[in-house]
Amino acid sequence: MSVMWAAEPAVLPAGPPAGPPPTADRIRRAAAHWWPLLPLIVTVLLLAAPLAPQSQAGSGGLAPADLASGVLVLFALVRVVRMRARPLTPVAAIVLGIPAVGFAVATVTAADPQAGLPGLVRYLQVFVLVPAAVVLLLRDARDFRVVVGCLTALALVQGAIGIHQYATGTGASYMGEDIRAVGTFGPTDVMGMATVVAYGLLAAAALALRPPAGTPRRVRLLAPAAAGVLIVPLALSFSRGSWIATAVAALAMILLTGLRQAVRALAVLTAVGVVLVGGFGVGSEMISQRLSSITQVTAAPDRSVTDRYTMWDAATSMWREQPAAGVGLKGFPAHRDGHASIGLSSGSDTAGAGHAFQKQPLLSPHNMYLLVLSEQGLIGLTAFVGSWAAVLVGGVRRLVHARRVRTAAADCGLAAVGLMLWQTVDFLYADIGGPSTVLTGVVLGLAAWWALAARDEKAAA
């Protein structure tokens, strides 16, 4: 007689709950939160890529970041229309939009309005559309920190390339040697890398000076380290205007953090400078010569300073001839020779960094305020300076208030004020031009978000 044994059902171990694993779920939620910032992040980080020759300054080509900024503007517009996202506040719309009045008047009243259309598009891109898109896309302080983090990452990449150029003699030509750090921007845009590095340095310094509550220890250590490292490529750019602007902005940021923090930060910066330049001798001789030349602009000016003064005189002469609306956008090169003295050279010599020798034409006075005055007159300059002053003053007031109430977003305000102040001072020695110009619009947008955007301060942190 066979015995039949009933098989007991197997007891399976409890498995994971149905649905996607927790890690995938977190990734999906993070992607859903951050994807609206993607066009802005891409616009910034694309400047780390090598540039094609046609994208170099002075060639008239569009850089990939310029094309990405167009996508950024369209994305922000579609998001506002389709998702009914918050529009600009009335104050923000007026402050960011009023420079367009000067641009339009200068274009319409120019002798050849059609020739000024490319300039109109460029000015609207940098000073109106990109800043407005940044303000519309930033939702809180976390978004702001992501963007300034991208600025710092971009600065570290370009700075590393610049240091390599100096060390290997593959940079732009400077005093007969190919040692000037220019990153991927080439010898025709020697200010490009210096601008990017200065942005990243100030962004890292803001986080180092005012880390928000809950900042991981590694970030608290990396922020001042990044700011210190970026001093090296900034010094090797040999850009006097960038040095002055960075020193002014950094000093203002330090003072805005309070006396105790200011003394500590100044001591650290002094030590870093002594170690990098004095201890390691990083370009110390040429840097000291370049620094001393800042005080010799009237006693023994070099050729670049002489040309700059001559073009400044030409710009003011154009304004006296057309005081209200200027000579029109893109009109400075056409009117330059009729207003400049015979002491003006035919152009600046550029070479190195993989480029053959060429004469770079002098197409602007290398002073943004005088460029606006000459091409847009008092109408354009008043609108331009008024808009920037409103953003800077509003940013400082909000930062002081943030310190008083101890809001967690004070680091954002410090970065916004520092970046805006840097650009304001740098425009005394430079103007728009080259692939890095799109970052001017991004910086203006960051500063405008902090100064003008309506938000809940607690939620924004």
Protein backbone atom coordinates (compact mmCIF):
# COMPACT_ATOMS: atom_id res chain seq x y z
CA MET A 1 0.00 0.00 0.00
CA SER A 2 1.59 3.15 -1.08
CA VAL A 3 1.49 6.08 1.15
CA MET A 4 0.58 9.34 -0.56
CA TRP A 5 2.22 12.40 0.93
CA ALA A 6 0.51 15.69 0.27
CA ALA A 7 3.08 18.23 -0.86
CA GLU A 8 3.01 21.29 1.31
CA PRO A 9 3.01 24.55 -0.56
CA ALA A 10 6.41 26.14 -0.69
CA VAL A 11 6.81 29.24 1.43
CA LEU A 12 8.58 31.88 -0.65
CA PRO A 13 10.56 34.63 1.04
CA ALA A 14 8.92 38.03 1.02
CA GLY A 15 10.15 39.96 -1.99
CA PRO A 16 10.44 43.68 -2.59
CA PRO A 17 7.21 45.59 -3.04
CA ALA A 18 5.82 45.88 -6.50
CA GLY A 19 6.86 48.88 -8.52
CA PRO A 20 10.17 50.50 -9.28
CA PRO A 21 13.03 50.17 -6.79
CA PRO A 22 13.56 53.06 -4.37
CA THR A 23 16.72 54.28 -6.14
CA ALA A 24 14.97 54.49 -9.50
CA ASP A 25 12.07 56.27 -7.84
CA ARG A 26 14.38 58.86 -6.33
CA ILE A 27 16.09 59.38 -9.67
CA ARG A 28 12.73 59.84 -11.37
CA ARG A 29 11.59 62.36 -8.78
CA ALA A 30 14.89 64.26 -9.00
CA ALA A 31 14.68 64.35 -12.80
CA ALA A 32 11.09 65.63 -12.63
CA HIS A 33 12.22 68.40 -10.28
CA TRP A 34 15.37 69.51 -12.09
CA TRP A 35 14.51 69.12 -15.77
CA PRO A 36 13.13 72.70 -16.10
CA LEU A 37 16.67 73.92 -15.37
CA LEU A 38 18.23 71.78 -18.09
CA PRO A 39 18.28 74.47 -20.84
CA LEU A 40 19.96 76.88 -18.44
CA ILE A 41 22.51 74.30 -17.28
CA VAL A 42 23.33 73.35 -20.88
CA THR A 43 23.77 77.01 -21.85
CA VAL A 44 26.39 77.45 -19.12
CA LEU A 45 28.25 74.16 -19.50
CA LEU A 46 28.46 74.31 -23.30
CA LEU A 47 31.12 76.98 -22.86
CA ALA A 48 33.46 74.26 -21.59
CA ALA A 49 33.54 72.69 -25.06
CA PRO A 50 36.23 73.69 -27.59
CA LEU A 51 35.03 76.38 -29.97
CA ALA A 52 35.10 76.12 -33.73
CA PRO A 53 37.17 78.81 -35.48
CA GLN A 54 34.02 80.48 -36.84
CA SER A 55 32.75 80.90 -33.27
CA GLN A 56 35.78 82.90 -32.11
CA ALA A 57 35.34 86.52 -31.21
CA GLY A 58 35.48 88.87 -34.11
CA SER A 59 34.50 86.28 -36.73
CA GLY A 60 30.79 86.86 -36.49
CA GLY A 61 29.97 83.21 -35.89
CA LEU A 62 27.51 81.90 -33.34
CA ALA A 63 28.84 79.80 -30.47
CA PRO A 64 26.92 76.71 -29.31
CA ALA A 65 26.07 78.51 -26.06
CA ASP A 66 24.39 81.29 -28.06
CA LEU A 67 22.17 78.75 -29.80
CA ALA A 68 21.43 77.11 -26.46
CA SER A 69 20.43 80.50 -25.03
CA GLY A 70 17.85 80.80 -27.81
CA VAL A 71 16.41 77.44 -26.78
CA LEU A 72 16.46 78.66 -23.17
CA VAL A 73 14.38 81.72 -24.02
CA LEU A 74 11.86 79.71 -26.07
CA PHE A 75 11.61 77.09 -23.32
CA ALA A 76 10.88 79.73 -20.68
CA LEU A 77 8.25 81.34 -22.92
CA VAL A 78 6.49 78.04 -23.64
CA ARG A 79 6.60 77.11 -19.97
CA VAL A 80 4.94 80.40 -19.00
CA VAL A 81 2.23 80.07 -21.65
CA ARG A 82 1.41 76.35 -21.40
CA MET A 83 1.94 75.72 -17.70
CA ARG A 84 0.77 79.12 -16.53
CA ALA A 85 3.95 79.50 -14.56
CA ARG A 86 4.45 82.71 -12.65
CA PRO A 87 5.21 85.68 -14.91
CA LEU A 88 7.65 88.44 -14.08
CA THR A 89 6.57 90.87 -11.42
CA PRO A 90 5.72 94.36 -12.76
CA VAL A 91 8.89 95.80 -11.24
CA ALA A 92 11.07 93.05 -12.73
CA ALA A 93 9.43 93.46 -16.15
CA ILE A 94 10.11 97.22 -16.14
CA VAL A 95 13.69 96.96 -14.87
CA LEU A 96 14.67 94.20 -17.32
CA GLY A 97 12.67 95.59 -20.23
CA ILE A 98 13.54 99.27 -20.15
CA PRO A 99 16.98 98.89 -21.85
CA ALA A 100 15.08 97.64 -24.91
CA VAL A 101 13.77 101.19 -25.35
CA GLY A 102 17.28 102.51 -25.86
CA PHE A 103 18.16 99.62 -28.19
CA ALA A 104 15.08 100.24 -30.34
CA VAL A 105 15.55 104.03 -30.52
CA ALA A 106 19.21 103.67 -31.51
CA THR A 107 18.29 101.19 -34.23
CA VAL A 108 15.42 103.21 -35.70
CA THR A 109 17.29 106.53 -35.70
CA ALA A 110 20.54 105.12 -37.15
CA ALA A 111 21.64 106.18 -40.62
CA ASP A 112 21.43 102.54 -41.68
CA PRO A 113 18.87 100.76 -39.44
CA GLN A 114 19.35 97.46 -41.26
CA ALA A 115 23.04 97.37 -40.33
CA GLY A 116 22.08 97.72 -36.68
CA LEU A 117 19.66 94.76 -36.60
CA PRO A 118 22.33 92.18 -35.62
CA GLY A 119 23.31 94.47 -32.77
CA LEU A 120 19.68 94.81 -31.70
CA VAL A 121 19.32 91.02 -31.56
CA ARG A 122 22.55 90.65 -29.57
CA TYR A 123 21.63 93.35 -27.05
CA LEU A 124 18.14 91.93 -26.56
CA GLN A 125 19.62 88.45 -26.08
CA VAL A 126 22.16 89.48 -23.44
CA PHE A 127 20.36 92.23 -21.52
CA VAL A 128 16.64 91.40 -21.83
CA LEU A 129 15.68 87.91 -23.03
CA VAL A 130 18.22 85.64 -21.31
CA PRO A 131 17.97 87.46 -17.94
CA ALA A 132 14.16 87.31 -18.08
CA ALA A 133 14.29 83.58 -18.90
CA VAL A 134 16.60 82.94 -15.94
CA VAL A 135 14.26 84.80 -13.58
CA LEU A 136 11.29 82.81 -14.89
CA LEU A 137 12.97 79.41 -14.53
CA LEU A 138 14.53 79.81 -11.09
CA ARG A 139 12.07 78.66 -8.45
CA ASP A 140 14.05 78.74 -5.23
CA ALA A 141 17.50 78.95 -3.69
CA ARG A 142 18.26 75.33 -4.63
CA ASP A 143 17.85 76.19 -8.30
CA PHE A 144 20.08 79.23 -7.85
CA ARG A 145 22.79 77.10 -6.22
CA VAL A 146 22.68 74.60 -9.06
CA VAL A 147 23.36 77.35 -11.61
CA VAL A 148 26.21 78.96 -9.67
CA GLY A 149 27.59 75.46 -9.11
CA CYS A 150 27.67 75.04 -12.88
CA LEU A 151 29.48 78.39 -13.17
CA THR A 152 32.11 77.13 -10.73
CA ALA A 153 32.49 73.80 -12.58
CA LEU A 154 32.88 75.66 -15.88
CA ALA A 155 35.50 77.94 -14.29
CA LEU A 156 37.49 74.97 -12.97
CA VAL A 157 37.54 73.33 -16.42
CA GLN A 158 38.55 76.51 -18.25
CA GLY A 159 41.03 77.39 -15.49
CA ALA A 160 42.70 73.98 -15.72
CA ILE A 161 43.09 74.44 -19.47
CA GLY A 162 44.52 77.91 -18.89
CA ILE A 163 47.08 76.67 -16.35
CA HIS A 164 48.13 73.93 -18.78
CA GLN A 165 48.55 76.53 -21.52
CA TYR A 166 50.84 78.62 -19.32
CA ALA A 167 52.87 75.62 -18.13
CA THR A 168 53.38 74.18 -21.62
CA GLY A 169 53.73 77.43 -23.58
CA THR A 170 50.61 76.77 -25.67
CA GLY A 171 48.58 79.80 -24.64
CA ALA A 172 48.01 83.12 -26.37
CA SER A 173 50.97 85.32 -27.18
CA TYR A 174 52.03 87.69 -24.39
CA MET A 175 55.29 89.65 -24.37
CA GLY A 176 56.71 87.39 -27.06
CA GLU A 177 55.80 84.11 -25.37
CA ASP A 178 52.76 81.86 -25.82
CA ILE A 179 51.91 81.76 -22.13
CA ARG A 180 48.70 83.77 -21.69
CA ALA A 181 45.91 81.59 -20.27
CA VAL A 182 42.83 81.89 -22.50
CA GLY A 183 41.16 78.49 -22.11
CA THR A 184 39.19 77.35 -25.13
CA PHE A 185 38.31 80.90 -26.17
CA GLY A 186 41.44 81.53 -28.20
CA PRO A 187 43.66 84.62 -28.56
CA THR A 188 40.90 86.70 -30.15
CA ASP A 189 38.86 86.55 -26.91
CA VAL A 190 41.50 86.90 -24.20
CA MET A 191 38.86 88.12 -21.75
CA GLY A 192 36.72 84.98 -22.14
CA MET A 193 38.53 82.68 -19.74
CA ALA A 194 39.22 85.49 -17.27
CA THR A 195 35.49 86.29 -17.17
CA VAL A 196 34.47 82.66 -16.66
CA VAL A 197 37.10 82.08 -13.97
CA ALA A 198 36.12 85.26 -12.11
CA TYR A 199 32.46 84.20 -12.10
CA GLY A 200 33.34 80.79 -10.70
CA LEU A 201 35.72 82.22 -8.11
CA LEU A 202 33.07 84.61 -6.75
CA ALA A 203 30.37 81.92 -6.78
CA ALA A 204 32.61 79.57 -4.77
CA ALA A 205 33.62 82.40 -2.43
CA ALA A 206 29.97 83.19 -1.67
CA LEU A 207 29.34 79.62 -0.57
CA ALA A 208 32.55 79.59 1.45
CA LEU A 209 31.64 82.85 3.22
CA ARG A 210 27.96 82.05 3.87
CA PRO A 211 27.34 78.28 3.72
CA PRO A 212 23.64 77.58 4.37
CA ALA A 213 22.61 75.43 7.28
CA GLY A 214 22.98 71.73 6.57
CA THR A 215 25.77 72.16 4.01
CA PRO A 216 27.84 68.93 3.96
CA ARG A 217 31.33 69.17 5.39
CA ARG A 218 32.94 68.24 2.07
CA VAL A 219 31.19 71.17 0.38
CA ARG A 220 32.32 73.53 3.14
CA LEU A 221 35.89 72.44 2.42
CA LEU A 222 35.66 72.34 -1.37
CA ALA A 223 34.16 75.82 -1.78
CA PRO A 224 37.11 77.80 -0.36
CA ALA A 225 39.53 75.39 -2.04
CA ALA A 226 37.91 76.02 -5.43
CA ALA A 227 38.01 79.80 -4.89
CA GLY A 228 41.69 79.60 -3.95
CA VAL A 229 42.62 77.41 -6.91
CA LEU A 230 40.85 79.72 -9.36
CA ILE A 231 43.11 82.60 -8.31
CA VAL A 232 45.89 80.96 -10.33
CA PRO A 233 44.28 80.94 -13.81
CA LEU A 234 42.83 84.40 -13.12
CA ALA A 235 46.35 85.67 -12.45
CA LEU A 236 47.71 83.89 -15.55
CA SER A 237 45.08 85.55 -17.74
CA PHE A 238 47.09 88.79 -17.34
CA SER A 239 43.79 90.68 -17.53
CA ARG A 240 44.11 93.86 -15.48
CA GLY A 241 40.43 94.70 -15.78
CA SER A 242 39.41 91.27 -14.46
CA TRP A 243 41.84 91.56 -11.56
CA ILE A 244 40.44 94.94 -10.52
CA ALA A 245 36.81 93.83 -10.87
CA THR A 246 37.44 90.62 -8.91
CA ALA A 247 39.25 92.45 -6.14
CA VAL A 248 36.44 94.99 -5.78
CA ALA A 249 33.68 92.36 -5.86
CA ALA A 250 35.46 90.00 -3.46
CA LEU A 251 36.21 92.81 -1.00
CA ALA A 252 32.57 93.94 -1.09
CA MET A 253 31.37 90.37 -0.50
CA ILE A 254 33.73 89.94 2.43
CA LEU A 255 32.63 93.21 4.04
CA LEU A 256 28.96 92.27 3.59
CA THR A 257 29.48 89.13 5.69
CA GLY A 258 30.37 91.06 8.86
CA LEU A 259 33.58 92.26 10.51
CA ARG A 260 34.67 88.98 12.14
CA GLN A 261 34.15 86.93 8.98
CA ALA A 262 35.79 89.66 6.92
CA VAL A 263 39.00 89.63 8.96
CA ARG A 264 39.20 85.82 8.76
CA ALA A 265 38.53 85.74 5.01
CA LEU A 266 41.06 88.48 4.25
CA ALA A 267 43.69 86.61 6.22
CA VAL A 268 43.02 83.41 4.26
CA LEU A 269 43.10 85.22 0.90
CA THR A 270 46.37 86.93 1.77
CA ALA A 271 47.93 83.61 2.74
CA VAL A 272 46.72 81.95 -0.47
CA GLY A 273 48.11 84.79 -2.58
CA VAL A 274 51.50 84.64 -0.87
CA VAL A 275 51.74 80.86 -1.28
CA LEU A 276 50.61 80.71 -4.91
CA VAL A 277 52.46 83.71 -6.28
CA GLY A 278 55.28 84.24 -3.80
CA GLY A 279 55.94 80.68 -2.67
CA PHE A 280 55.43 78.77 -5.94
CA GLY A 281 56.38 81.71 -8.17
CA VAL A 282 53.31 81.33 -10.39
CA GLY A 283 54.07 83.88 -13.09
CA SER A 284 55.31 86.21 -10.34
CA GLU A 285 57.62 88.39 -12.46
CA MET A 286 55.17 89.00 -15.30
CA ILE A 287 52.26 89.39 -12.90
CA SER A 288 54.16 92.02 -10.91
CA GLN A 289 54.97 93.88 -14.13
CA ARG A 290 51.33 93.71 -15.17
CA LEU A 291 50.20 94.95 -11.75
CA SER A 292 52.64 97.85 -11.81
CA SER A 293 51.37 98.85 -15.26
CA ILE A 294 47.97 99.61 -13.69
CA THR A 295 49.51 102.62 -11.92
CA GLN A 296 51.38 103.73 -15.06
CA VAL A 297 48.37 104.36 -17.29
CA THR A 298 49.11 108.08 -17.37
CA ALA A 299 52.88 108.23 -16.79
CA ALA A 300 54.06 105.50 -19.17
CA PRO A 301 51.04 103.79 -20.80
CA ASP A 302 51.59 100.76 -23.03
CA ARG A 303 50.13 100.46 -26.53
CA SER A 304 46.88 98.80 -25.38
CA VAL A 305 46.23 101.60 -22.88
CA THR A 306 47.01 104.29 -25.46
CA ASP A 307 44.60 102.72 -27.95
CA ARG A 308 41.94 102.43 -25.26
CA TYR A 309 42.19 106.09 -24.31
CA THR A 310 42.06 107.06 -27.98
CA MET A 311 38.89 104.99 -28.52
CA TRP A 312 37.34 106.45 -25.37
CA ASP A 313 37.89 109.93 -26.82
CA ALA A 314 36.37 108.79 -30.11
CA ALA A 315 33.30 107.43 -28.29
CA THR A 316 32.68 110.67 -26.43
CA SER A 317 33.17 112.61 -29.68
CA MET A 318 30.46 110.47 -31.35
CA TRP A 319 28.14 111.19 -28.44
CA ARG A 320 28.69 114.95 -28.70
CA GLU A 321 27.76 114.71 -32.35
CA GLN A 322 24.60 112.66 -31.69
CA PRO A 323 23.81 113.27 -27.98
CA ALA A 324 20.25 111.93 -27.79
CA ALA A 325 20.24 108.61 -29.65
CA GLY A 326 23.90 108.08 -30.62
CA VAL A 327 25.26 106.89 -33.96
CA GLY A 328 23.23 103.65 -33.93
CA LEU A 329 23.88 100.07 -32.86
CA LYS A 330 27.02 98.61 -34.43
CA GLY A 331 27.89 102.15 -35.53
CA PHE A 332 31.12 102.58 -33.56
CA PRO A 333 33.44 100.89 -36.11
CA ALA A 334 32.00 102.90 -39.00
CA HIS A 335 32.44 106.24 -37.20
CA ARG A 336 35.66 105.43 -35.34
CA ASP A 337 38.22 106.76 -37.82
CA GLY A 338 36.30 110.01 -38.25
CA HIS A 339 36.56 110.74 -34.51
CA ALA A 340 39.83 109.07 -33.45
CA SER A 341 43.26 110.70 -33.49
CA ILE A 342 46.07 109.50 -35.73
CA GLY A 343 47.65 107.85 -32.67
CA LEU A 344 45.22 104.94 -32.89
CA SER A 345 46.88 101.75 -34.12
CA SER A 346 45.47 99.61 -36.93
CA GLY A 347 44.56 96.78 -34.56
CA SER A 348 45.85 94.52 -31.82
CA ASP A 349 48.22 91.65 -32.58
CA THR A 350 46.88 88.20 -31.69
CA ALA A 351 48.58 84.82 -31.97
CA GLY A 352 49.10 81.56 -30.13
CA ALA A 353 46.74 79.00 -28.60
CA GLY A 354 46.64 77.14 -31.92
CA HIS A 355 46.02 80.25 -34.04
CA ALA A 356 48.25 81.98 -36.54
CA PHE A 357 49.19 85.64 -36.21
CA GLN A 358 46.45 88.08 -37.17
CA LYS A 359 45.46 91.68 -36.63
CA GLN A 360 42.35 91.99 -34.48
CA PRO A 361 40.39 95.08 -35.55
CA LEU A 362 39.44 97.62 -32.88
CA LEU A 363 35.66 97.48 -33.12
CA SER A 364 34.71 98.94 -29.74
CA PRO A 365 36.08 101.33 -27.10
CA HIS A 366 36.53 98.51 -24.53
CA ASN A 367 34.21 100.33 -22.14
CA MET A 368 30.58 99.21 -22.14
CA TYR A 369 29.25 102.49 -20.83
CA LEU A 370 31.05 104.54 -23.47
CA LEU A 371 29.98 102.06 -26.15
CA VAL A 372 26.34 102.51 -25.12
CA LEU A 373 26.79 106.29 -24.92
CA SER A 374 28.32 106.54 -28.39
CA GLU A 375 25.88 104.17 -30.12
CA GLN A 376 22.68 104.82 -28.11
CA GLY A 377 23.18 108.30 -26.70
CA LEU A 378 21.77 109.58 -23.43
CA ILE A 379 18.50 107.72 -23.98
CA GLY A 380 20.21 104.36 -24.17
CA LEU A 381 22.76 105.04 -21.42
CA THR A 382 20.09 106.25 -18.99
CA ALA A 383 17.96 103.14 -19.59
CA PHE A 384 20.96 100.80 -19.40
CA VAL A 385 22.59 102.25 -16.30
CA GLY A 386 19.22 102.74 -14.59
CA SER A 387 18.31 99.09 -15.10
CA TRP A 388 21.63 97.78 -13.78
CA ALA A 389 21.63 100.20 -10.84
CA ALA A 390 18.14 99.04 -9.85
CA VAL A 391 19.26 95.40 -9.87
CA LEU A 392 22.44 96.09 -7.89
CA VAL A 393 20.80 98.33 -5.29
CA GLY A 394 17.85 95.96 -4.92
CA GLY A 395 20.22 93.04 -4.48
CA VAL A 396 22.24 94.77 -1.75
CA ARG A 397 19.08 95.81 0.11
CA ARG A 398 17.70 92.28 0.02
CA LEU A 399 21.04 90.84 1.14
CA VAL A 400 21.18 93.18 4.13
CA HIS A 401 17.61 92.18 5.00
CA ALA A 402 18.50 88.49 4.61
CA ARG A 403 21.39 88.88 7.05
CA ARG A 404 19.16 90.67 9.53
CA VAL A 405 16.49 87.97 9.57
CA ARG A 406 19.10 85.19 9.20
CA THR A 407 17.52 83.63 6.13
CA ALA A 408 19.17 80.46 4.81
CA ALA A 409 19.44 81.93 1.30
CA ALA A 410 22.01 84.57 2.23
CA ASP A 411 24.67 82.73 0.21
CA CYS A 412 22.56 83.27 -2.92
CA GLY A 413 22.33 86.99 -2.20
CA LEU A 414 26.07 87.21 -1.63
CA ALA A 415 26.78 85.47 -4.95
CA ALA A 416 24.22 87.62 -6.81
CA VAL A 417 25.64 90.89 -5.47
CA GLY A 418 29.24 89.81 -6.05
CA LEU A 419 28.64 88.70 -9.63
CA MET A 420 26.64 91.82 -10.48
CA LEU A 421 29.22 94.12 -8.93
CA TRP A 422 32.01 92.33 -10.81
CA GLN A 423 30.24 92.86 -14.12
CA THR A 424 29.49 96.50 -13.31
CA VAL A 425 33.16 97.24 -12.58
CA ASP A 426 34.49 95.10 -15.44
CA PHE A 427 32.38 97.06 -17.94
CA LEU A 428 34.65 100.03 -17.20
CA TYR A 429 37.40 98.16 -19.06
CA ALA A 430 35.48 95.78 -21.34
CA ASP A 431 32.28 95.38 -23.31
CA ILE A 432 30.24 92.58 -24.82
CA GLY A 433 31.75 90.38 -27.50
CA GLY A 434 32.78 86.77 -27.89
CA PRO A 435 31.19 83.47 -26.85
CA SER A 436 31.42 84.20 -23.11
CA THR A 437 29.03 87.15 -23.52
CA VAL A 438 26.01 84.88 -23.05
CA LEU A 439 27.10 84.40 -19.43
CA THR A 440 26.60 88.13 -18.87
CA GLY A 441 22.89 87.54 -19.47
CA VAL A 442 22.89 84.57 -17.10
CA VAL A 443 24.63 86.60 -14.36
CA LEU A 444 22.19 89.48 -14.83
CA GLY A 445 19.33 87.00 -14.55
CA LEU A 446 20.72 85.54 -11.32
CA ALA A 447 21.12 89.01 -9.83
CA ALA A 448 17.63 90.05 -10.99
CA TRP A 449 16.07 86.92 -9.48
CA TRP A 450 17.59 87.74 -6.12
CA ALA A 451 16.79 91.47 -6.26
CA LEU A 452 13.39 91.57 -7.98
CA ALA A 453 11.61 88.20 -8.01
CA ALA A 454 8.65 87.82 -5.65
CA ARG A 455 9.03 84.76 -3.44
CA ASP A 456 8.53 83.39 0.05
CA GLU A 457 11.90 83.80 1.76
CA LYS A 458 11.46 80.69 3.90
CA ALA A 459 10.35 78.57 0.95
CA ALA A 460 13.12 80.01 -1.21
CA ALA A 461 15.78 78.71 1.19
